[in-house]
Amino acid sequence: MALFIDTHHIKRLHDEGHVSIANYVDAIERAYREQGEGRLQLLPRQNFWMAGANAANRGPSLKVVAAVLEGIDVVGIAFYTAGYKRGAIELWIALMSAKTGDLLAHLHGQTMSLWKTGATAAVGARHMARLDAGVVGMVGTGNYARTQLLGLAAVRPIRALRCYSRNKENREAFAAWARKAVPNLEVSAVESARAASENVDILVTVTTSRTPVVEGAWLSPGTHCNLVGMHYPEAREVDSAVIKRARVVVDDLDQAWGEKGEIMMPLAAGEIGRDHVLGDIGSVIAGKAKARRNDGDITAFLSGGTALEYVASCAMLYEAARRAGIGQSLDIKA
């Protein structure tokens, strides 16, 4: 029998210890490995814009993605509206058996998007950041920043955080939360993006800025960057110097070249070629592409969010909910 998993069910799964950020990281890493092994079918994000809306003004839209994960025999479609409320999406995911075609689960709510986004960035850091990476810089302290930090704490021995937001109250509130969320973490709310970016091991940009908030000149050798905030062709969180200095990996080549301004804009300006992007994260996980060659390399993972993250996370939550007896049964009559 299919399950309906709503936001409060996901919260209960977390609160009762049935799932953690590590479960999301592992599920998404397995899915991206399938990508690297060529065993995955993926529909890049399709954007349907409401009247008067477009990528330039980030107006209201319906976004649709889909994927087949052969390794766990599931197929899924995620669809959500965005641009109606700042920082909010209305997310639905349908998960089906790839063997029978039957509906397994219908999931609702932005909560899962927050967790899967943090976990995806953590996968990037696990395979691209230095093994001893301990100092994190965070530019952006909004809805998606918390799981970014929790994801990094699950894959690297982080010991210090410098966080920045243009809003002083927001960055100080985030710093207070971080001190409680990650034991023994030294946390500083800093007063500029530069202060959050210089002399760090891992830099996260998780903003809604259309123009660069980080400059390449600020980065130290060995820094790994997770660029996760924006996915529109005319928007970018970092300048061309960051991209030019970095060994760049994306979540999905087809999708990234259609929506990631961080690489589309320098390509259009003749500052990089398409071969500057080394490949997708699946190829790195599968050992077909090498992101970091040495501790001095600057690396960058561009993550806009793909279908496989939604489907893999939904499948993981479905199994956890089924084991725990959490969720609403859907009695679907033929």
C-alpha atoms as a PDB file:
ATOM      1  CA  MET A   1       0.000   0.000   0.000  1.00  0.00           C
ATOM      2  CA  ALA A   2       1.307   3.437  -0.908  1.00  0.00           C
ATOM      3  CA  LEU A   3       2.234   5.982   1.749  1.00  0.00           C
ATOM      4  CA  PHE A   4       1.541   9.696   1.939  1.00  0.00           C
ATOM      5  CA  ILE A   5       4.477  11.354   3.722  1.00  0.00           C
ATOM      6  CA  ASP A   6       3.811  14.944   4.739  1.00  0.00           C
ATOM      7  CA  THR A   7       6.019  17.523   6.430  1.00  0.00           C
ATOM      8  CA  HIS A   8       4.996  16.468   9.941  1.00  0.00           C
ATOM      9  CA  HIS A   9       5.799  12.845   9.133  1.00  0.00           C
ATOM     10  CA  ILE A  10       9.312  13.832   8.031  1.00  0.00           C
ATOM     11  CA  LYS A  11       9.753  15.845  11.213  1.00  0.00           C
ATOM     12  CA  ARG A  12       8.725  12.837  13.259  1.00  0.00           C
ATOM     13  CA  LEU A  13      11.188  10.601  11.393  1.00  0.00           C
ATOM     14  CA  HIS A  14      13.947  13.023  12.368  1.00  0.00           C
ATOM     15  CA  ASP A  15      12.783  13.682  15.917  1.00  0.00           C
ATOM     16  CA  GLU A  16      12.478   9.968  16.706  1.00  0.00           C
ATOM     17  CA  GLY A  17      15.891   9.157  15.240  1.00  0.00           C
ATOM     18  CA  HIS A  18      14.703   7.102  12.286  1.00  0.00           C
ATOM     19  CA  VAL A  19      16.661   9.283   9.810  1.00  0.00           C
ATOM     20  CA  SER A  20      19.557  11.718  10.031  1.00  0.00           C
ATOM     21  CA  ILE A  21      21.567  13.894   7.654  1.00  0.00           C
ATOM     22  CA  ALA A  22      23.936  10.935   7.191  1.00  0.00           C
ATOM     23  CA  ASN A  23      21.088   8.890   5.683  1.00  0.00           C
ATOM     24  CA  TYR A  24      20.452  11.606   3.098  1.00  0.00           C
ATOM     25  CA  VAL A  25      24.177  11.862   2.300  1.00  0.00           C
ATOM     26  CA  ASP A  26      24.503   8.123   1.752  1.00  0.00           C
ATOM     27  CA  ALA A  27      21.322   7.855  -0.335  1.00  0.00           C
ATOM     28  CA  ILE A  28      22.303  10.751  -2.589  1.00  0.00           C
ATOM     29  CA  GLU A  29      25.881   9.527  -2.928  1.00  0.00           C
ATOM     30  CA  ARG A  30      24.619   6.115  -4.091  1.00  0.00           C
ATOM     31  CA  ALA A  31      22.362   7.784  -6.638  1.00  0.00           C
ATOM     32  CA  TYR A  32      25.166   9.944  -8.019  1.00  0.00           C
ATOM     33  CA  ARG A  33      27.391   6.874  -8.238  1.00  0.00           C
ATOM     34  CA  GLU A  34      24.745   5.397 -10.534  1.00  0.00           C
ATOM     35  CA  GLN A  35      25.041   8.552 -12.614  1.00  0.00           C
ATOM     36  CA  GLY A  36      28.784   8.057 -12.877  1.00  0.00           C
ATOM     37  CA  GLU A  37      28.320   4.420 -13.837  1.00  0.00           C
ATOM     38  CA  GLY A  38      25.813   5.318 -16.541  1.00  0.00           C
ATOM     39  CA  ARG A  39      22.920   3.514 -14.875  1.00  0.00           C
ATOM     40  CA  LEU A  40      20.686   6.521 -14.379  1.00  0.00           C
ATOM     41  CA  GLN A  41      18.101   8.335 -16.476  1.00  0.00           C
ATOM     42  CA  LEU A  42      17.608  11.969 -15.558  1.00  0.00           C
ATOM     43  CA  LEU A  43      15.273  14.690 -16.785  1.00  0.00           C
ATOM     44  CA  PRO A  44      16.905  18.104 -16.290  1.00  0.00           C
ATOM     45  CA  ARG A  45      14.753  20.734 -14.601  1.00  0.00           C
ATOM     46  CA  GLN A  46      11.916  22.001 -16.775  1.00  0.00           C
ATOM     47  CA  ASN A  47      10.706  25.509 -15.980  1.00  0.00           C
ATOM     48  CA  PHE A  48       7.172  26.638 -16.775  1.00  0.00           C
ATOM     49  CA  TRP A  49       6.869  30.360 -16.190  1.00  0.00           C
ATOM     50  CA  MET A  50       3.653  32.111 -15.207  1.00  0.00           C
ATOM     51  CA  ALA A  51       2.528  35.167 -17.176  1.00  0.00           C
ATOM     52  CA  GLY A  52       5.154  37.901 -17.046  1.00  0.00           C
ATOM     53  CA  ALA A  53       7.679  35.716 -15.190  1.00  0.00           C
ATOM     54  CA  ASN A  54      11.056  34.501 -16.452  1.00  0.00           C
ATOM     55  CA  ALA A  55      14.526  33.505 -15.279  1.00  0.00           C
ATOM     56  CA  ALA A  56      15.611  37.128 -15.210  1.00  0.00           C
ATOM     57  CA  ASN A  57      12.983  38.256 -12.699  1.00  0.00           C
ATOM     58  CA  ARG A  58      12.652  34.881 -10.925  1.00  0.00           C
ATOM     59  CA  GLY A  59       8.889  35.193 -10.976  1.00  0.00           C
ATOM     60  CA  PRO A  60       6.350  32.455 -10.257  1.00  0.00           C
ATOM     61  CA  SER A  61       7.021  29.152 -11.989  1.00  0.00           C
ATOM     62  CA  LEU A  62       6.333  25.433 -11.968  1.00  0.00           C
ATOM     63  CA  LYS A  63       9.464  23.276 -11.997  1.00  0.00           C
ATOM     64  CA  VAL A  64       9.494  19.584 -12.942  1.00  0.00           C
ATOM     65  CA  VAL A  65      12.268  16.973 -12.708  1.00  0.00           C
ATOM     66  CA  ALA A  66      12.283  13.176 -12.984  1.00  0.00           C
ATOM     67  CA  ALA A  67      14.695  10.271 -12.653  1.00  0.00           C
ATOM     68  CA  VAL A  68      15.005   6.490 -12.856  1.00  0.00           C
ATOM     69  CA  LEU A  69      17.315   4.907 -10.259  1.00  0.00           C
ATOM     70  CA  GLU A  70      18.082   1.408 -11.502  1.00  0.00           C
ATOM     71  CA  GLY A  71      20.084   0.439  -8.433  1.00  0.00           C
ATOM     72  CA  ILE A  72      17.073   0.636  -6.117  1.00  0.00           C
ATOM     73  CA  ASP A  73      14.388  -0.020  -8.747  1.00  0.00           C
ATOM     74  CA  VAL A  74      12.475   3.216  -8.386  1.00  0.00           C
ATOM     75  CA  VAL A  75      11.282   5.962 -10.677  1.00  0.00           C
ATOM     76  CA  GLY A  76      10.102   9.327  -9.479  1.00  0.00           C
ATOM     77  CA  ILE A  77       8.950  12.769 -10.466  1.00  0.00           C
ATOM     78  CA  ALA A  78       9.279  15.917  -8.382  1.00  0.00           C
ATOM     79  CA  PHE A  79       7.336  19.059  -9.137  1.00  0.00           C
ATOM     80  CA  TYR A  80       7.116  22.302  -7.243  1.00  0.00           C
ATOM     81  CA  THR A  81       6.054  25.907  -7.527  1.00  0.00           C
ATOM     82  CA  ALA A  82       8.597  28.623  -6.758  1.00  0.00           C
ATOM     83  CA  GLY A  83       8.754  32.392  -6.873  1.00  0.00           C
ATOM     84  CA  TYR A  84       5.509  33.005  -5.036  1.00  0.00           C
ATOM     85  CA  LYS A  85       7.020  33.489  -1.580  1.00  0.00           C
ATOM     86  CA  ARG A  86      10.640  34.415  -0.966  1.00  0.00           C
ATOM     87  CA  GLY A  87      12.694  31.341  -0.028  1.00  0.00           C
ATOM     88  CA  ALA A  88       9.695  28.991  -0.174  1.00  0.00           C
ATOM     89  CA  ILE A  89       8.653  26.227  -2.566  1.00  0.00           C
ATOM     90  CA  GLU A  90       5.570  23.998  -2.673  1.00  0.00           C
ATOM     91  CA  LEU A  91       7.115  20.563  -3.299  1.00  0.00           C
ATOM     92  CA  TRP A  92       5.466  17.263  -4.234  1.00  0.00           C
ATOM     93  CA  ILE A  93       7.207  13.996  -5.153  1.00  0.00           C
ATOM     94  CA  ALA A  94       5.672  10.826  -6.558  1.00  0.00           C
ATOM     95  CA  LEU A  95       7.769   7.669  -6.079  1.00  0.00           C
ATOM     96  CA  MET A  96       6.958   4.508  -8.044  1.00  0.00           C
ATOM     97  CA  SER A  97       8.356   1.008  -8.391  1.00  0.00           C
ATOM     98  CA  ALA A  98      10.436   0.586 -11.519  1.00  0.00           C
ATOM     99  CA  LYS A  99       9.499  -3.123 -11.498  1.00  0.00           C
ATOM    100  CA  THR A 100       5.704  -2.918 -11.204  1.00  0.00           C
ATOM    101  CA  GLY A 101       4.947   0.714 -11.955  1.00  0.00           C
ATOM    102  CA  ASP A 102       2.925   0.950  -8.736  1.00  0.00           C
ATOM    103  CA  LEU A 103       2.898   4.099  -6.634  1.00  0.00           C
ATOM    104  CA  LEU A 104       5.024   3.636  -3.500  1.00  0.00           C
ATOM    105  CA  ALA A 105       4.849   7.058  -1.908  1.00  0.00           C
ATOM    106  CA  HIS A 106       3.646  10.592  -2.358  1.00  0.00           C
ATOM    107  CA  LEU A 107       5.725  13.093  -0.413  1.00  0.00           C
ATOM    108  CA  HIS A 108       4.897  16.711   0.327  1.00  0.00           C
ATOM    109  CA  GLY A 109       6.752  19.675   1.767  1.00  0.00           C
ATOM    110  CA  GLN A 110       9.833  21.867   1.505  1.00  0.00           C
ATOM    111  CA  THR A 111      11.415  20.197   4.537  1.00  0.00           C
ATOM    112  CA  MET A 112      12.887  17.382   2.484  1.00  0.00           C
ATOM    113  CA  SER A 113      14.332  19.875   0.007  1.00  0.00           C
ATOM    114  CA  LEU A 114      16.282  21.519   2.819  1.00  0.00           C
ATOM    115  CA  TRP A 115      17.788  18.215   3.946  1.00  0.00           C
ATOM    116  CA  LYS A 116      18.598  16.872   0.498  1.00  0.00           C
ATOM    117  CA  THR A 117      20.267  20.143  -0.532  1.00  0.00           C
ATOM    118  CA  GLY A 118      22.570  20.064   2.481  1.00  0.00           C
ATOM    119  CA  ALA A 119      23.310  16.400   1.893  1.00  0.00           C
ATOM    120  CA  THR A 120      24.142  16.927  -1.780  1.00  0.00           C
ATOM    121  CA  ALA A 121      26.665  19.627  -0.934  1.00  0.00           C
ATOM    122  CA  ALA A 122      28.113  17.285   1.679  1.00  0.00           C
ATOM    123  CA  VAL A 123      28.597  14.640  -1.011  1.00  0.00           C
ATOM    124  CA  GLY A 124      30.524  17.202  -3.031  1.00  0.00           C
ATOM    125  CA  ALA A 125      32.699  18.046  -0.029  1.00  0.00           C
ATOM    126  CA  ARG A 126      33.262  14.376   0.804  1.00  0.00           C
ATOM    127  CA  HIS A 127      34.771  13.784  -2.632  1.00  0.00           C
ATOM    128  CA  MET A 128      36.412  17.156  -3.304  1.00  0.00           C
ATOM    129  CA  ALA A 129      37.464  18.870  -0.066  1.00  0.00           C
ATOM    130  CA  ARG A 130      40.770  18.152   1.659  1.00  0.00           C
ATOM    131  CA  LEU A 131      40.524  15.320   4.168  1.00  0.00           C
ATOM    132  CA  ASP A 132      41.642  17.627   6.975  1.00  0.00           C
ATOM    133  CA  ALA A 133      39.251  20.450   6.061  1.00  0.00           C
ATOM    134  CA  GLY A 134      38.148  21.960   9.360  1.00  0.00           C
ATOM    135  CA  VAL A 135      37.335  25.649   8.833  1.00  0.00           C
ATOM    136  CA  VAL A 136      34.071  26.521   7.084  1.00  0.00           C
ATOM    137  CA  GLY A 137      33.011  29.853   5.634  1.00  0.00           C
ATOM    138  CA  MET A 138      29.279  30.358   5.053  1.00  0.00           C
ATOM    139  CA  VAL A 139      27.941  33.215   2.949  1.00  0.00           C
ATOM    140  CA  GLY A 140      24.184  33.205   3.455  1.00  0.00           C
ATOM    141  CA  THR A 141      22.344  32.194   6.631  1.00  0.00           C
ATOM    142  CA  GLY A 142      18.788  31.640   5.381  1.00  0.00           C
ATOM    143  CA  ASN A 143      16.504  28.605   5.218  1.00  0.00           C
ATOM    144  CA  TYR A 144      18.997  26.348   3.474  1.00  0.00           C
ATOM    145  CA  ALA A 145      22.108  27.240   5.491  1.00  0.00           C
ATOM    146  CA  ARG A 146      21.452  25.013   8.492  1.00  0.00           C
ATOM    147  CA  THR A 147      21.501  21.725   6.618  1.00  0.00           C
ATOM    148  CA  GLN A 148      24.580  22.910   4.737  1.00  0.00           C
ATOM    149  CA  LEU A 149      26.427  23.024   8.038  1.00  0.00           C
ATOM    150  CA  LEU A 150      24.977  19.744   9.325  1.00  0.00           C
ATOM    151  CA  GLY A 151      25.930  18.021   6.084  1.00  0.00           C
ATOM    152  CA  LEU A 152      29.531  19.217   6.279  1.00  0.00           C
ATOM    153  CA  ALA A 153      29.777  18.127   9.911  1.00  0.00           C
ATOM    154  CA  ALA A 154      28.779  14.627   8.793  1.00  0.00           C
ATOM    155  CA  VAL A 155      31.637  14.282   6.293  1.00  0.00           C
ATOM    156  CA  ARG A 156      34.540  16.389   7.584  1.00  0.00           C
ATOM    157  CA  PRO A 157      36.049  17.136  11.040  1.00  0.00           C
ATOM    158  CA  ILE A 158      34.927  20.764  11.056  1.00  0.00           C
ATOM    159  CA  ARG A 159      36.088  22.805  14.035  1.00  0.00           C
ATOM    160  CA  ALA A 160      35.319  26.415  13.109  1.00  0.00           C
ATOM    161  CA  LEU A 161      32.643  28.372  11.254  1.00  0.00           C
ATOM    162  CA  ARG A 162      32.597  31.947  10.001  1.00  0.00           C
ATOM    163  CA  CYS A 163      29.138  32.946   8.808  1.00  0.00           C
ATOM    164  CA  TYR A 164      27.970  36.072   7.038  1.00  0.00           C
ATOM    165  CA  SER A 165      24.627  37.556   6.097  1.00  0.00           C
ATOM    166  CA  ARG A 166      23.883  41.149   5.147  1.00  0.00           C
ATOM    167  CA  ASN A 167      21.401  41.144   8.006  1.00  0.00           C
ATOM    168  CA  LYS A 168      23.253  41.302  11.332  1.00  0.00           C
ATOM    169  CA  GLU A 169      20.383  39.780  13.316  1.00  0.00           C
ATOM    170  CA  ASN A 170      20.148  36.845  10.909  1.00  0.00           C
ATOM    171  CA  ARG A 171      23.857  36.014  11.023  1.00  0.00           C
ATOM    172  CA  GLU A 172      23.998  36.289  14.801  1.00  0.00           C
ATOM    173  CA  ALA A 173      20.920  34.079  15.172  1.00  0.00           C
ATOM    174  CA  PHE A 174      22.480  31.522  12.829  1.00  0.00           C
ATOM    175  CA  ALA A 175      25.723  31.618  14.819  1.00  0.00           C
ATOM    176  CA  ALA A 176      23.828  30.987  18.060  1.00  0.00           C
ATOM    177  CA  TRP A 177      22.027  28.021  16.502  1.00  0.00           C
ATOM    178  CA  ALA A 178      25.298  26.608  15.073  1.00  0.00           C
ATOM    179  CA  ARG A 179      27.005  26.631  18.464  1.00  0.00           C
ATOM    180  CA  LYS A 180      24.240  24.399  19.820  1.00  0.00           C
ATOM    181  CA  ALA A 181      23.863  22.217  16.712  1.00  0.00           C
ATOM    182  CA  VAL A 182      27.501  21.175  16.270  1.00  0.00           C
ATOM    183  CA  PRO A 183      29.365  20.351  19.509  1.00  0.00           C
ATOM    184  CA  ASN A 184      32.732  22.046  20.094  1.00  0.00           C
ATOM    185  CA  LEU A 185      32.377  24.230  17.011  1.00  0.00           C
ATOM    186  CA  GLU A 186      34.035  27.640  17.208  1.00  0.00           C
ATOM    187  CA  VAL A 187      31.561  30.031  15.585  1.00  0.00           C
ATOM    188  CA  SER A 188      32.022  33.634  14.478  1.00  0.00           C
ATOM    189  CA  ALA A 189      29.403  35.875  12.895  1.00  0.00           C
ATOM    190  CA  VAL A 190      31.569  38.067  10.656  1.00  0.00           C
ATOM    191  CA  GLU A 191      30.817  41.420   9.072  1.00  0.00           C
ATOM    192  CA  SER A 192      31.651  40.782   5.415  1.00  0.00           C
ATOM    193  CA  ALA A 193      31.549  38.080   2.770  1.00  0.00           C
ATOM    194  CA  ARG A 194      35.304  38.516   2.424  1.00  0.00           C
ATOM    195  CA  ALA A 195      35.841  37.725   6.101  1.00  0.00           C
ATOM    196  CA  ALA A 196      33.808  34.542   5.646  1.00  0.00           C
ATOM    197  CA  SER A 197      35.726  33.555   2.501  1.00  0.00           C
ATOM    198  CA  GLU A 198      39.380  34.157   3.317  1.00  0.00           C
ATOM    199  CA  ASN A 199      41.547  31.427   4.868  1.00  0.00           C
ATOM    200  CA  VAL A 200      38.838  28.778   5.036  1.00  0.00           C
ATOM    201  CA  ASP A 201      38.984  25.133   3.971  1.00  0.00           C
ATOM    202  CA  ILE A 202      35.394  24.891   2.739  1.00  0.00           C
ATOM    203  CA  LEU A 203      33.381  27.851   1.469  1.00  0.00           C
ATOM    204  CA  VAL A 204      29.607  27.630   1.041  1.00  0.00           C
ATOM    205  CA  THR A 205      27.545  30.189  -0.846  1.00  0.00           C
ATOM    206  CA  VAL A 206      23.848  29.737  -0.193  1.00  0.00           C
ATOM    207  CA  THR A 207      22.261  33.051  -1.147  1.00  0.00           C
ATOM    208  CA  THR A 208      19.679  34.439  -3.542  1.00  0.00           C
ATOM    209  CA  SER A 209      22.059  37.057  -4.893  1.00  0.00           C
ATOM    210  CA  ARG A 210      22.051  37.668  -8.634  1.00  0.00           C
ATOM    211  CA  THR A 211      25.530  39.216  -8.559  1.00  0.00           C
ATOM    212  CA  PRO A 212      28.781  37.800  -7.149  1.00  0.00           C
ATOM    213  CA  VAL A 213      29.143  37.824  -3.390  1.00  0.00           C
ATOM    214  CA  VAL A 214      32.584  36.142  -3.459  1.00  0.00           C
ATOM    215  CA  GLU A 215      35.691  37.148  -5.415  1.00  0.00           C
ATOM    216  CA  GLY A 216      38.332  34.716  -6.598  1.00  0.00           C
ATOM    217  CA  ALA A 217      41.125  36.830  -5.159  1.00  0.00           C
ATOM    218  CA  TRP A 218      39.858  36.036  -1.662  1.00  0.00           C
ATOM    219  CA  LEU A 219      40.352  32.269  -1.919  1.00  0.00           C
ATOM    220  CA  SER A 220      43.350  30.497  -0.427  1.00  0.00           C
ATOM    221  CA  PRO A 221      45.009  27.508  -2.123  1.00  0.00           C
ATOM    222  CA  GLY A 222      43.271  24.279  -1.132  1.00  0.00           C
ATOM    223  CA  THR A 223      39.823  25.806  -0.605  1.00  0.00           C
ATOM    224  CA  HIS A 224      36.806  23.773  -1.657  1.00  0.00           C
ATOM    225  CA  CYS A 225      33.695  25.744  -2.672  1.00  0.00           C
ATOM    226  CA  ASN A 226      30.103  24.526  -2.582  1.00  0.00           C
ATOM    227  CA  LEU A 227      28.054  26.918  -4.728  1.00  0.00           C
ATOM    228  CA  VAL A 228      24.434  26.043  -4.088  1.00  0.00           C
ATOM    229  CA  GLY A 229      22.298  29.165  -3.861  1.00  0.00           C
ATOM    230  CA  MET A 230      21.264  30.032  -7.401  1.00  0.00           C
ATOM    231  CA  HIS A 231      20.462  28.219 -10.647  1.00  0.00           C
ATOM    232  CA  TYR A 232      19.547  30.855 -13.203  1.00  0.00           C
ATOM    233  CA  PRO A 233      21.571  31.688 -16.341  1.00  0.00           C
ATOM    234  CA  GLU A 234      21.877  35.388 -15.530  1.00  0.00           C
ATOM    235  CA  ALA A 235      22.665  34.982 -11.823  1.00  0.00           C
ATOM    236  CA  ARG A 236      25.847  33.900 -10.078  1.00  0.00           C
ATOM    237  CA  GLU A 237      27.117  33.911  -6.523  1.00  0.00           C
ATOM    238  CA  VAL A 238      30.833  34.069  -7.402  1.00  0.00           C
ATOM    239  CA  ASP A 239      32.839  35.988  -9.971  1.00  0.00           C
ATOM    240  CA  SER A 240      34.640  34.551 -12.978  1.00  0.00           C
ATOM    241  CA  ALA A 241      37.936  34.514 -11.091  1.00  0.00           C
ATOM    242  CA  VAL A 242      36.602  31.860  -8.704  1.00  0.00           C
ATOM    243  CA  ILE A 243      35.601  29.637 -11.608  1.00  0.00           C
ATOM    244  CA  LYS A 244      38.854  30.223 -13.493  1.00  0.00           C
ATOM    245  CA  ARG A 245      40.960  29.367 -10.439  1.00  0.00           C
ATOM    246  CA  ALA A 246      38.955  26.274  -9.529  1.00  0.00           C
ATOM    247  CA  ARG A 247      38.712  22.705 -10.735  1.00  0.00           C
ATOM    248  CA  VAL A 248      34.979  22.714 -11.403  1.00  0.00           C
ATOM    249  CA  VAL A 249      32.493  19.848 -11.067  1.00  0.00           C
ATOM    250  CA  VAL A 250      28.708  20.098 -11.474  1.00  0.00           C
ATOM    251  CA  ASP A 251      25.757  17.972 -10.421  1.00  0.00           C
ATOM    252  CA  ASP A 252      24.577  17.250 -13.975  1.00  0.00           C
ATOM    253  CA  LEU A 253      26.247  18.528 -17.122  1.00  0.00           C
ATOM    254  CA  ASP A 254      23.113  19.004 -19.227  1.00  0.00           C
ATOM    255  CA  GLN A 255      21.248  20.811 -16.480  1.00  0.00           C
ATOM    256  CA  ALA A 256      24.186  22.933 -15.295  1.00  0.00           C
ATOM    257  CA  TRP A 257      25.018  24.207 -18.792  1.00  0.00           C
ATOM    258  CA  GLY A 258      21.402  25.313 -19.120  1.00  0.00           C
ATOM    259  CA  GLU A 259      20.977  27.142 -15.837  1.00  0.00           C
ATOM    260  CA  LYS A 260      24.173  27.724 -13.833  1.00  0.00           C
ATOM    261  CA  GLY A 261      25.249  31.323 -14.371  1.00  0.00           C
ATOM    262  CA  GLU A 262      28.562  30.653 -12.621  1.00  0.00           C
ATOM    263  CA  ILE A 263      29.745  28.759 -15.718  1.00  0.00           C
ATOM    264  CA  MET A 264      27.383  30.086 -18.408  1.00  0.00           C
ATOM    265  CA  MET A 265      28.431  33.725 -17.976  1.00  0.00           C
ATOM    266  CA  PRO A 266      32.225  33.211 -18.164  1.00  0.00           C
ATOM    267  CA  LEU A 267      31.684  30.822 -21.098  1.00  0.00           C
ATOM    268  CA  ALA A 268      29.696  33.505 -22.962  1.00  0.00           C
ATOM    269  CA  ALA A 269      32.425  36.042 -22.183  1.00  0.00           C
ATOM    270  CA  GLY A 270      35.139  33.759 -23.585  1.00  0.00           C
ATOM    271  CA  GLU A 271      36.802  33.429 -20.159  1.00  0.00           C
ATOM    272  CA  ILE A 272      36.499  29.624 -20.034  1.00  0.00           C
ATOM    273  CA  GLY A 273      35.757  26.794 -22.436  1.00  0.00           C
ATOM    274  CA  ARG A 274      33.265  24.009 -21.847  1.00  0.00           C
ATOM    275  CA  ASP A 275      36.175  21.710 -21.065  1.00  0.00           C
ATOM    276  CA  HIS A 276      36.912  23.790 -17.964  1.00  0.00           C
ATOM    277  CA  VAL A 277      34.165  21.783 -16.259  1.00  0.00           C
ATOM    278  CA  LEU A 278      35.762  18.440 -15.421  1.00  0.00           C
ATOM    279  CA  GLY A 279      32.504  16.503 -15.346  1.00  0.00           C
ATOM    280  CA  ASP A 280      29.636  15.641 -13.024  1.00  0.00           C
ATOM    281  CA  ILE A 281      29.943  14.587  -9.406  1.00  0.00           C
ATOM    282  CA  GLY A 282      28.852  11.063 -10.330  1.00  0.00           C
ATOM    283  CA  SER A 283      31.950  10.659 -12.481  1.00  0.00           C
ATOM    284  CA  VAL A 284      34.101  11.793  -9.560  1.00  0.00           C
ATOM    285  CA  ILE A 285      32.440   9.316  -7.191  1.00  0.00           C
ATOM    286  CA  ALA A 286      32.806   6.503  -9.733  1.00  0.00           C
ATOM    287  CA  GLY A 287      36.502   7.313 -10.221  1.00  0.00           C
ATOM    288  CA  LYS A 288      36.147   8.443 -13.827  1.00  0.00           C
ATOM    289  CA  ALA A 289      37.087  12.074 -13.143  1.00  0.00           C
ATOM    290  CA  LYS A 290      39.559  13.507 -10.635  1.00  0.00           C
ATOM    291  CA  ALA A 291      38.513  16.705  -8.914  1.00  0.00           C
ATOM    292  CA  ARG A 292      41.312  17.241  -6.392  1.00  0.00           C
ATOM    293  CA  ARG A 293      44.851  16.373  -7.444  1.00  0.00           C
ATOM    294  CA  ASN A 294      46.605  17.779  -4.387  1.00  0.00           C
ATOM    295  CA  ASP A 295      46.032  19.811  -1.237  1.00  0.00           C
ATOM    296  CA  GLY A 296      46.746  23.066  -3.064  1.00  0.00           C
ATOM    297  CA  ASP A 297      43.964  22.747  -5.618  1.00  0.00           C
ATOM    298  CA  ILE A 298      40.972  25.050  -5.371  1.00  0.00           C
ATOM    299  CA  THR A 299      37.862  23.021  -6.183  1.00  0.00           C
ATOM    300  CA  ALA A 300      34.249  24.027  -6.782  1.00  0.00           C
ATOM    301  CA  PHE A 301      31.067  21.974  -6.788  1.00  0.00           C
ATOM    302  CA  LEU A 302      28.121  23.668  -8.513  1.00  0.00           C
ATOM    303  CA  SER A 303      24.891  22.203  -7.217  1.00  0.00           C
ATOM    304  CA  GLY A 304      21.552  23.447  -8.484  1.00  0.00           C
ATOM    305  CA  GLY A 305      19.559  20.390  -7.436  1.00  0.00           C
ATOM    306  CA  THR A 306      18.636  17.453  -9.668  1.00  0.00           C
ATOM    307  CA  ALA A 307      15.864  14.885  -9.847  1.00  0.00           C
ATOM    308  CA  LEU A 308      18.019  12.090  -8.519  1.00  0.00           C
ATOM    309  CA  GLU A 309      18.430  13.920  -5.201  1.00  0.00           C
ATOM    310  CA  TYR A 310      14.664  14.205  -4.778  1.00  0.00           C
ATOM    311  CA  VAL A 311      13.994  10.627  -5.849  1.00  0.00           C
ATOM    312  CA  ALA A 312      16.833   9.087  -3.818  1.00  0.00           C
ATOM    313  CA  SER A 313      15.839  11.026  -0.699  1.00  0.00           C
ATOM    314  CA  CYS A 314      12.179  10.169  -1.137  1.00  0.00           C
ATOM    315  CA  ALA A 315      13.032   6.479  -1.514  1.00  0.00           C
ATOM    316  CA  MET A 316      15.124   6.597   1.666  1.00  0.00           C
ATOM    317  CA  LEU A 317      12.344   8.352   3.596  1.00  0.00           C
ATOM    318  CA  TYR A 318       9.747   5.911   2.269  1.00  0.00           C
ATOM    319  CA  GLU A 319      11.716   2.909   3.536  1.00  0.00           C
ATOM    320  CA  ALA A 320      12.314   4.570   6.903  1.00  0.00           C
ATOM    321  CA  ALA A 321       8.651   5.523   7.249  1.00  0.00           C
ATOM    322  CA  ARG A 322       7.520   2.025   6.302  1.00  0.00           C
ATOM    323  CA  ARG A 323       9.795   0.459   8.929  1.00  0.00           C
ATOM    324  CA  ALA A 324       8.721   2.947  11.600  1.00  0.00           C
ATOM    325  CA  GLY A 325       5.014   2.777  10.809  1.00  0.00           C
ATOM    326  CA  ILE A 326       4.924   6.503  10.077  1.00  0.00           C
ATOM    327  CA  GLY A 327       2.879   8.067   7.275  1.00  0.00           C
ATOM    328  CA  GLN A 328      -0.662   7.873   5.978  1.00  0.00           C
ATOM    329  CA  SER A 329      -1.682   4.810   3.982  1.00  0.00           C
ATOM    330  CA  LEU A 330      -3.202   5.494   0.586  1.00  0.00           C
ATOM    331  CA  ASP A 331      -5.721   2.853  -0.452  1.00  0.00           C
ATOM    332  CA  ILE A 332      -5.731   3.327  -4.209  1.00  0.00           C
ATOM    333  CA  LYS A 333      -8.405   1.370  -6.047  1.00  0.00           C
ATOM    334  CA  ALA A 334      -7.739   0.178  -9.588  1.00  0.00           C
END
